[in-house]
Amino acid sequence: MNTITVASSKPLDPPDEAAPLEAAATPRTLGPDLLRALAILLVMLVHLPVEATPLPLAGIRPYGWIGVDIFFVLSGYLIGTQLMAEAARRRAVDFKAFYLRRAFRILPAFLLVLAVYTFFPSLRDAPTMQPAWRFLTFTVNFGLDPRLGSAFTEAWSLSVEEHFYLVLPVLVVLLKRRATAGLVALLVATIVIVGIGLRFALWQSNVGPIAEMQIYREAFAVYLRDVYYPTYNRLDGLTFGVVLAAIRLFKPLLWERYMPPHIALAIGGTLVMAALVIFSVRGPLAEANLPLVFQPLAGAVVGFPLFSAGVAFILGALLDLQPRIGRWHLPAISGVATLSYSLYLTHKGIYHLDQMVFGKDNLQGLSGFVIYLATCFIVAATLWFLVERNFLLLRDHLMPRARRADEA
């Protein structure tokens, strides 16, 4: 991103103005909520069977998997802002407080849902599941072969997030005194280029030979296991989110000068559309009738960074537009965003439960879609009120100084 490279080669200065630090403490803003709500609705849509997908949404459904990449950008921005703002204020990062906040935010609902999947196999969204210890250690996304257990596989992205939580605070501490614009740009370029190289090598060596033999379903499983799920291949969104946070915190006047909202939206929209075009070019995979998440070489290699960079530009524009759009009263958007984590954890299992209760034949067309949405939101709201909300209140009671910037 060119805006950071034009700064001096001296260590990054404290923020140009106090406003970004104050914004980092704001509990919710509409821009991130819009993207968060869009992300979870896309993820819910992609896991909905075709027969229960209304016709107007049929063309969007295959692309629903990109919702996870939107979540990664949001998480990179929000957690990056939290940690870097703290380091700028205190010249240090409180590791204990950070990890406790994340534990209160992530673990209670996750552990409850994992317990349900573990002890009540009939409620699983698939017959087999990876060992529970892999979920508990957040290593499930390494070597995750859906042929050997595909229940609760959505937890793969939580593993990526947990690895990000482990690394970023250490990186912020290491760079807080010696980070120059050039060093940061080099680090970001290295992460993106290494990711591109790894995906290229893994696709060519592990996926390509199987796809060339037209054993597409096996190639799909290998693609998910070796290319799509591992943390080292999915750092693009988190990285661009952190870069956005760094620029807005430390060089906000530079961002304001070169990236007014209309420019940022135009660039972001162009990058997102370019990524979607690349994702749409299926080549020989088109005949396999497999989910669009199974990307040929071009999409797997360059599609992820293109899309993530585009979302980061759009997020930056929405944050700048907050004084205007913040006046909009959109309780539905805020509600969906608030429930997004509980929805993410439960939506696949709820559709399976719907099949058990209503019967698969009654979950088709518009009625099936309405049943799916209603039951997902009922269960997610219950989980939020009984578990998420209470543990967040407990966290705020135990850690009154650490309440904000924790909505990722």
Protein backbone atom coordinates (compact mmCIF):
# COMPACT_ATOMS: atom_id res chain seq x y z
CA MET A 1 0.00 0.00 0.00
CA ASN A 2 1.69 3.15 -1.20
CA THR A 3 0.43 5.45 1.54
CA ILE A 4 2.70 3.96 4.15
CA THR A 5 5.84 3.97 2.06
CA VAL A 6 5.95 7.72 1.57
CA ALA A 7 6.52 8.33 5.28
CA SER A 8 9.99 8.93 6.65
CA SER A 9 12.40 6.12 7.43
CA LYS A 10 12.43 7.11 11.10
CA PRO A 11 10.52 4.94 13.59
CA LEU A 12 6.80 5.44 13.32
CA ASP A 13 5.78 8.43 15.37
CA PRO A 14 2.87 8.53 17.80
CA PRO A 15 -0.47 9.17 16.11
CA ASP A 16 -0.76 12.48 14.30
CA GLU A 17 -3.84 13.32 16.32
CA ALA A 18 -5.85 11.94 19.23
CA ALA A 19 -9.03 11.19 17.30
CA PRO A 20 -8.04 7.71 16.08
CA LEU A 21 -7.16 6.63 19.61
CA GLU A 22 -10.51 7.85 20.82
CA ALA A 23 -12.21 6.08 17.94
CA ALA A 24 -10.46 2.87 18.95
CA ALA A 25 -12.35 3.01 22.22
CA THR A 26 -15.75 3.36 20.56
CA PRO A 27 -17.85 0.26 21.28
CA ARG A 28 -19.50 -0.03 17.86
CA THR A 29 -19.47 1.84 14.58
CA LEU A 30 -21.80 1.22 11.68
CA GLY A 31 -19.15 0.56 9.03
CA PRO A 32 -17.65 -2.52 10.72
CA ASP A 33 -21.15 -3.66 11.69
CA LEU A 34 -22.27 -3.48 8.05
CA LEU A 35 -19.35 -5.63 6.95
CA ARG A 36 -19.73 -8.01 9.90
CA ALA A 37 -23.44 -8.52 9.18
CA LEU A 38 -22.71 -9.04 5.48
CA ALA A 39 -19.99 -11.55 6.31
CA ILE A 40 -22.11 -13.76 8.56
CA LEU A 41 -25.09 -13.69 6.19
CA LEU A 42 -22.81 -14.79 3.34
CA VAL A 43 -21.39 -17.63 5.42
CA MET A 44 -24.87 -18.76 6.43
CA LEU A 45 -25.98 -18.64 2.81
CA VAL A 46 -23.11 -20.75 1.47
CA HIS A 47 -23.91 -23.54 3.93
CA LEU A 48 -27.58 -23.57 2.97
CA PRO A 49 -28.49 -26.36 0.49
CA VAL A 50 -29.47 -25.27 -2.98
CA GLU A 51 -33.04 -26.53 -2.62
CA ALA A 52 -33.63 -24.16 0.32
CA THR A 53 -32.06 -21.14 -1.36
CA PRO A 54 -34.51 -18.57 -2.80
CA LEU A 55 -33.97 -17.88 -6.49
CA PRO A 56 -32.82 -14.22 -6.00
CA LEU A 57 -30.01 -15.49 -3.75
CA ALA A 58 -28.98 -18.44 -5.91
CA GLY A 59 -26.37 -16.41 -7.79
CA ILE A 60 -24.84 -15.05 -4.56
CA ARG A 61 -24.78 -18.33 -2.66
CA PRO A 62 -21.67 -19.83 -4.35
CA TYR A 63 -19.63 -16.81 -3.23
CA GLY A 64 -20.73 -16.96 0.41
CA TRP A 65 -17.38 -18.39 1.54
CA ILE A 66 -15.77 -14.96 1.06
CA GLY A 67 -17.56 -13.89 4.24
CA VAL A 68 -14.74 -15.51 6.23
CA ASP A 69 -12.20 -13.29 4.47
CA ILE A 70 -14.28 -10.23 5.42
CA PHE A 71 -14.15 -11.41 9.04
CA PHE A 72 -10.36 -11.71 8.82
CA VAL A 73 -9.98 -8.12 7.61
CA LEU A 74 -12.26 -6.87 10.37
CA SER A 75 -10.39 -8.84 13.00
CA GLY A 76 -7.03 -7.58 11.74
CA TYR A 77 -8.24 -3.99 11.90
CA LEU A 78 -9.99 -4.17 15.27
CA ILE A 79 -7.38 -6.19 17.14
CA GLY A 80 -4.56 -4.29 15.45
CA THR A 81 -6.11 -0.98 16.49
CA GLN A 82 -6.56 -2.18 20.05
CA LEU A 83 -2.99 -3.38 20.48
CA MET A 84 -1.23 -0.56 18.64
CA ALA A 85 -3.29 2.12 20.37
CA GLU A 86 -2.39 0.58 23.73
CA ALA A 87 1.29 0.43 22.78
CA ALA A 88 1.19 4.08 21.67
CA ARG A 89 -0.41 5.21 24.92
CA ARG A 90 1.44 3.04 27.43
CA ARG A 91 4.61 2.17 25.47
CA ALA A 92 3.74 -1.44 26.32
CA VAL A 93 1.13 -4.13 25.78
CA ASP A 94 -0.60 -5.81 28.70
CA PHE A 95 -0.39 -9.40 27.49
CA LYS A 96 -2.32 -10.84 30.42
CA ALA A 97 -5.22 -8.43 29.99
CA PHE A 98 -5.30 -8.96 26.22
CA TYR A 99 -5.44 -12.74 26.42
CA LEU A 100 -8.00 -12.65 29.21
CA ARG A 101 -10.22 -10.36 27.15
CA ARG A 102 -9.96 -12.68 24.17
CA ALA A 103 -10.63 -15.73 26.33
CA PHE A 104 -13.80 -14.19 27.77
CA ARG A 105 -14.87 -13.19 24.26
CA ILE A 106 -14.13 -16.41 22.37
CA LEU A 107 -14.06 -19.42 24.66
CA PRO A 108 -17.39 -19.65 26.54
CA ALA A 109 -19.69 -19.95 23.52
CA PHE A 110 -17.13 -21.99 21.59
CA LEU A 111 -16.63 -24.51 24.38
CA LEU A 112 -20.37 -24.91 24.88
CA VAL A 113 -20.99 -25.61 21.19
CA LEU A 114 -17.99 -27.96 21.07
CA ALA A 115 -19.38 -29.85 24.07
CA VAL A 116 -22.73 -30.27 22.29
CA TYR A 117 -20.99 -31.61 19.18
CA THR A 118 -18.80 -33.91 21.26
CA PHE A 119 -21.35 -35.42 23.62
CA PHE A 120 -24.42 -35.41 21.37
CA PRO A 121 -23.27 -36.90 18.05
CA SER A 122 -26.80 -36.96 16.65
CA LEU A 123 -26.80 -33.15 16.62
CA ARG A 124 -23.68 -32.89 14.48
CA ASP A 125 -23.99 -31.40 11.00
CA ALA A 126 -21.97 -34.37 9.66
CA PRO A 127 -21.56 -37.96 10.90
CA THR A 128 -17.87 -37.72 11.76
CA MET A 129 -15.78 -35.07 13.52
CA GLN A 130 -12.12 -34.37 14.16
CA PRO A 131 -10.87 -35.29 17.67
CA ALA A 132 -11.97 -32.84 20.36
CA TRP A 133 -8.38 -32.15 21.41
CA ARG A 134 -7.70 -30.56 18.02
CA PHE A 135 -10.50 -28.07 18.60
CA LEU A 136 -9.38 -27.40 22.17
CA THR A 137 -5.81 -26.71 21.07
CA PHE A 138 -6.92 -24.69 18.02
CA THR A 139 -4.88 -26.88 15.70
CA VAL A 140 -7.86 -28.26 13.82
CA ASN A 141 -7.07 -26.23 10.69
CA PHE A 142 -3.77 -28.05 10.14
CA GLY A 143 -4.21 -31.24 8.15
CA LEU A 144 -7.99 -30.84 8.27
CA ASP A 145 -9.17 -33.46 5.79
CA PRO A 146 -12.98 -33.26 5.45
CA ARG A 147 -13.02 -36.89 4.32
CA LEU A 148 -11.93 -37.90 7.83
CA GLY A 149 -14.37 -35.70 9.74
CA SER A 150 -16.32 -32.69 8.57
CA ALA A 151 -18.56 -31.77 11.51
CA PHE A 152 -17.94 -28.31 13.02
CA THR A 153 -15.23 -27.58 10.45
CA GLU A 154 -16.16 -23.90 10.60
CA ALA A 155 -13.90 -23.83 13.67
CA TRP A 156 -10.92 -23.75 11.29
CA SER A 157 -11.17 -19.96 11.06
CA LEU A 158 -11.19 -19.64 14.86
CA SER A 159 -7.88 -21.49 14.88
CA VAL A 160 -6.47 -18.94 12.44
CA GLU A 161 -7.72 -16.15 14.70
CA GLU A 162 -6.16 -17.72 17.79
CA HIS A 163 -2.78 -18.00 16.08
CA PHE A 164 -3.12 -14.35 15.09
CA TYR A 165 -3.82 -13.42 18.73
CA LEU A 166 -0.66 -15.23 19.80
CA VAL A 167 1.62 -13.55 17.26
CA LEU A 168 0.37 -9.98 16.85
CA PRO A 169 0.91 -8.71 20.44
CA VAL A 170 4.51 -9.97 20.34
CA LEU A 171 5.03 -8.35 16.94
CA VAL A 172 3.64 -5.03 18.17
CA VAL A 173 6.00 -5.06 21.14
CA LEU A 174 9.00 -5.93 18.98
CA LEU A 175 8.23 -3.22 16.43
CA LYS A 176 6.92 -0.43 18.64
CA ARG A 177 10.30 1.32 18.98
CA ARG A 178 12.03 0.38 15.74
CA ALA A 179 9.22 0.14 13.19
CA THR A 180 9.91 2.34 10.20
CA ALA A 181 7.56 2.69 7.27
CA GLY A 182 10.06 0.83 5.12
CA LEU A 183 10.37 -2.05 7.60
CA VAL A 184 6.59 -2.35 7.96
CA ALA A 185 6.13 -2.27 4.19
CA LEU A 186 8.80 -4.97 3.80
CA LEU A 187 7.17 -7.13 6.45
CA VAL A 188 3.73 -6.81 4.86
CA ALA A 189 5.09 -7.52 1.38
CA THR A 190 6.91 -10.57 2.74
CA ILE A 191 3.77 -11.98 4.37
CA VAL A 192 1.69 -11.48 1.22
CA ILE A 193 4.35 -12.76 -1.20
CA VAL A 194 5.19 -15.80 0.94
CA GLY A 195 1.48 -16.61 1.13
CA ILE A 196 1.18 -16.36 -2.64
CA GLY A 197 4.24 -18.56 -3.10
CA LEU A 198 3.07 -21.18 -0.63
CA ARG A 199 -0.39 -21.45 -2.17
CA PHE A 200 1.14 -21.68 -5.64
CA ALA A 201 3.57 -24.44 -4.62
CA LEU A 202 0.96 -26.42 -2.66
CA TRP A 203 -1.66 -26.17 -5.41
CA GLN A 204 0.82 -27.22 -8.07
CA SER A 205 2.31 -30.11 -6.11
CA ASN A 206 -0.66 -31.47 -4.14
CA VAL A 207 -3.87 -30.37 -5.86
CA GLY A 208 -2.97 -29.95 -9.52
CA PRO A 209 -1.88 -33.54 -10.26
CA ILE A 210 -5.11 -34.94 -8.79
CA ALA A 211 -7.24 -32.39 -10.65
CA GLU A 212 -5.48 -33.24 -13.92
CA MET A 213 -6.59 -36.84 -13.44
CA GLN A 214 -10.14 -35.45 -13.08
CA ILE A 215 -10.51 -36.93 -9.61
CA TYR A 216 -12.10 -33.67 -8.62
CA ARG A 217 -13.70 -34.57 -5.30
CA GLU A 218 -10.43 -35.89 -3.94
CA ALA A 219 -8.65 -32.82 -5.31
CA PHE A 220 -11.22 -30.64 -3.52
CA ALA A 221 -10.51 -32.32 -0.19
CA VAL A 222 -6.76 -31.93 -0.68
CA TYR A 223 -7.25 -28.27 -1.65
CA LEU A 224 -9.15 -27.59 1.57
CA ARG A 225 -6.61 -29.47 3.67
CA ASP A 226 -3.41 -28.08 2.16
CA VAL A 227 -4.33 -24.70 0.67
CA TYR A 228 -7.53 -23.27 2.13
CA TYR A 229 -7.47 -24.11 5.86
CA PRO A 230 -3.85 -23.68 7.11
CA THR A 231 -3.04 -20.45 8.92
CA TYR A 232 0.08 -19.73 6.87
CA ASN A 233 -2.07 -19.54 3.72
CA ARG A 234 -4.77 -17.29 5.16
CA LEU A 235 -2.90 -14.28 6.54
CA ASP A 236 -3.88 -11.84 3.77
CA GLY A 237 -7.06 -10.52 5.36
CA LEU A 238 -5.57 -10.21 8.84
CA THR A 239 -2.48 -8.48 7.44
CA PHE A 240 -4.38 -5.90 5.41
CA GLY A 241 -6.64 -5.23 8.38
CA VAL A 242 -3.61 -4.54 10.60
CA VAL A 243 -2.06 -2.32 7.93
CA LEU A 244 -5.26 -0.27 7.77
CA ALA A 245 -5.21 0.07 11.56
CA ALA A 246 -1.56 1.18 11.54
CA ILE A 247 -2.08 3.82 8.86
CA ARG A 248 -5.20 5.23 10.48
CA LEU A 249 -3.54 5.33 13.91
CA PHE A 250 -0.09 6.64 13.06
CA LYS A 251 -0.58 8.50 9.77
CA PRO A 252 -4.25 9.51 9.70
CA LEU A 253 -3.55 12.81 7.91
CA LEU A 254 -1.76 10.90 5.17
CA TRP A 255 -4.75 8.56 4.79
CA GLU A 256 -7.14 11.51 4.83
CA ARG A 257 -5.16 13.31 2.14
CA TYR A 258 -4.72 10.43 -0.31
CA MET A 259 -7.68 8.21 0.52
CA PRO A 260 -10.90 10.22 0.88
CA PRO A 261 -13.92 7.92 1.04
CA HIS A 262 -14.83 8.13 -2.66
CA ILE A 263 -11.29 7.18 -3.70
CA ALA A 264 -11.01 4.37 -1.14
CA LEU A 265 -14.41 3.00 -2.14
CA ALA A 266 -13.48 3.10 -5.82
CA ILE A 267 -10.17 1.31 -5.24
CA GLY A 268 -11.72 -1.19 -2.84
CA GLY A 269 -14.65 -1.90 -5.13
CA THR A 270 -12.32 -2.40 -8.10
CA LEU A 271 -10.10 -4.84 -6.20
CA VAL A 272 -13.09 -6.79 -4.89
CA MET A 273 -14.64 -7.02 -8.34
CA ALA A 274 -11.31 -8.12 -9.85
CA ALA A 275 -11.05 -10.85 -7.21
CA LEU A 276 -14.64 -12.00 -7.86
CA VAL A 277 -13.93 -12.19 -11.59
CA ILE A 278 -10.86 -14.32 -10.89
CA PHE A 279 -12.88 -16.51 -8.52
CA SER A 280 -15.50 -16.97 -11.25
CA VAL A 281 -13.04 -18.30 -13.84
CA ARG A 282 -13.27 -22.02 -13.18
CA GLY A 283 -11.54 -23.57 -16.17
CA PRO A 284 -11.68 -27.38 -16.10
CA LEU A 285 -13.15 -27.28 -12.57
CA ALA A 286 -16.40 -25.92 -14.00
CA GLU A 287 -17.43 -29.39 -15.16
CA ALA A 288 -16.89 -30.90 -11.72
CA ASN A 289 -19.97 -29.20 -10.18
CA LEU A 290 -18.09 -28.55 -6.93
CA PRO A 291 -18.44 -25.56 -4.58
CA LEU A 292 -16.88 -22.33 -5.79
CA VAL A 293 -14.63 -22.31 -2.73
CA PHE A 294 -12.57 -24.90 -4.63
CA GLN A 295 -10.47 -22.46 -6.60
CA PRO A 296 -8.22 -23.16 -9.57
CA LEU A 297 -4.64 -21.96 -9.41
CA ALA A 298 -5.23 -18.28 -10.21
CA GLY A 299 -8.01 -17.82 -7.68
CA ALA A 300 -6.16 -19.67 -4.93
CA VAL A 301 -2.94 -17.75 -5.49
CA VAL A 302 -3.94 -14.12 -6.11
CA GLY A 303 -7.66 -14.01 -5.36
CA PHE A 304 -7.31 -13.92 -1.58
CA PRO A 305 -4.91 -10.94 -1.32
CA LEU A 306 -6.84 -8.99 -3.98
CA PHE A 307 -10.15 -9.49 -2.20
CA SER A 308 -8.71 -8.76 1.25
CA ALA A 309 -7.02 -5.55 0.10
CA GLY A 310 -10.29 -4.43 -1.46
CA VAL A 311 -12.24 -5.06 1.74
CA ALA A 312 -9.62 -3.12 3.73
CA PHE A 313 -10.04 -0.07 1.46
CA ILE A 314 -13.83 -0.31 1.77
CA LEU A 315 -13.59 -0.60 5.55
CA GLY A 316 -11.38 2.49 5.67
CA ALA A 317 -13.91 4.42 3.61
CA LEU A 318 -16.80 3.32 5.83
CA LEU A 319 -14.90 4.42 8.92
CA ASP A 320 -14.39 7.87 7.39
CA LEU A 321 -18.08 8.01 6.51
CA GLN A 322 -19.10 7.25 10.10
CA PRO A 323 -20.12 10.87 10.87
CA ARG A 324 -22.72 10.57 8.06
CA ILE A 325 -23.83 6.96 8.20
CA GLY A 326 -23.64 6.87 12.00
CA ARG A 327 -26.90 8.81 12.06
CA TRP A 328 -28.71 6.00 10.28
CA HIS A 329 -30.90 3.94 12.56
CA LEU A 330 -30.33 0.34 11.46
CA PRO A 331 -31.09 -1.89 14.44
CA ALA A 332 -31.33 -4.98 12.23
CA ILE A 333 -27.74 -4.52 11.06
CA SER A 334 -26.48 -3.98 14.59
CA GLY A 335 -28.47 -6.98 15.77
CA VAL A 336 -27.04 -9.30 13.11
CA ALA A 337 -23.53 -8.00 13.81
CA THR A 338 -23.97 -8.56 17.55
CA LEU A 339 -25.10 -12.14 17.00
CA SER A 340 -22.53 -12.89 14.30
CA TYR A 341 -20.24 -15.02 16.48
CA SER A 342 -23.07 -17.13 17.88
CA LEU A 343 -24.52 -17.46 14.38
CA TYR A 344 -21.16 -18.57 13.04
CA LEU A 345 -20.78 -21.26 15.68
CA THR A 346 -24.27 -22.71 15.36
CA HIS A 347 -25.71 -22.19 11.86
CA LYS A 348 -24.54 -25.47 10.32
CA GLY A 349 -25.75 -27.51 13.25
CA ILE A 350 -29.08 -25.71 13.27
CA TYR A 351 -29.85 -26.65 9.68
CA HIS A 352 -29.16 -30.29 10.58
CA LEU A 353 -31.49 -29.90 13.56
CA ASP A 354 -34.12 -28.35 11.29
CA GLN A 355 -33.94 -31.44 9.10
CA MET A 356 -34.48 -33.66 12.13
CA VAL A 357 -37.47 -31.63 13.37
CA PHE A 358 -39.20 -30.51 10.16
CA GLY A 359 -37.98 -33.10 7.68
CA LYS A 360 -35.77 -32.43 4.67
CA ASP A 361 -38.75 -32.30 2.29
CA ASN A 362 -40.21 -29.37 4.27
CA LEU A 363 -37.01 -27.34 4.05
CA GLN A 364 -37.21 -26.39 0.42
CA GLY A 365 -37.90 -23.09 -1.29
CA LEU A 366 -38.90 -19.95 0.56
CA SER A 367 -40.46 -21.78 3.52
CA GLY A 368 -37.28 -23.75 4.12
CA PHE A 369 -35.25 -20.55 3.94
CA VAL A 370 -37.50 -18.80 6.46
CA ILE A 371 -37.36 -21.75 8.84
CA TYR A 372 -33.58 -21.83 8.57
CA LEU A 373 -33.20 -18.10 9.24
CA ALA A 374 -35.69 -18.08 12.10
CA THR A 375 -34.20 -21.06 13.92
CA CYS A 376 -30.63 -19.81 13.41
CA PHE A 377 -31.42 -16.43 14.92
CA ILE A 378 -33.44 -17.91 17.79
CA VAL A 379 -30.62 -20.23 18.80
CA ALA A 380 -27.94 -17.58 18.27
CA ALA A 381 -29.87 -15.03 20.34
CA THR A 382 -30.30 -17.59 23.11
CA LEU A 383 -26.58 -18.40 23.08
CA TRP A 384 -25.71 -14.71 23.10
CA PHE A 385 -28.03 -13.78 25.97
CA LEU A 386 -27.22 -16.78 28.14
CA VAL A 387 -23.51 -17.21 27.43
CA GLU A 388 -21.77 -14.50 25.38
CA ARG A 389 -23.43 -11.53 27.04
CA ASN A 390 -23.01 -12.81 30.59
CA PHE A 391 -19.33 -13.60 30.15
CA LEU A 392 -18.72 -10.21 28.55
CA LEU A 393 -20.43 -8.58 31.52
CA LEU A 394 -18.28 -10.66 33.84
CA ARG A 395 -15.18 -9.62 31.91
CA ASP A 396 -16.12 -5.96 32.15
CA HIS A 397 -16.72 -6.36 35.89
CA LEU A 398 -13.37 -8.06 36.46
CA MET A 399 -11.46 -5.89 33.97
CA PRO A 400 -13.16 -2.46 34.00
CA ARG A 401 -10.29 -0.78 32.14
CA ALA A 402 -10.36 -3.25 29.27
CA ARG A 403 -13.84 -2.95 27.88
CA ARG A 404 -13.50 -1.74 24.37
CA ALA A 405 -12.15 -2.43 20.89
CA ASP A 406 -12.98 -6.07 21.56
CA GLU A 407 -15.85 -6.72 19.16
CA ALA A 408 -13.92 -8.74 16.58
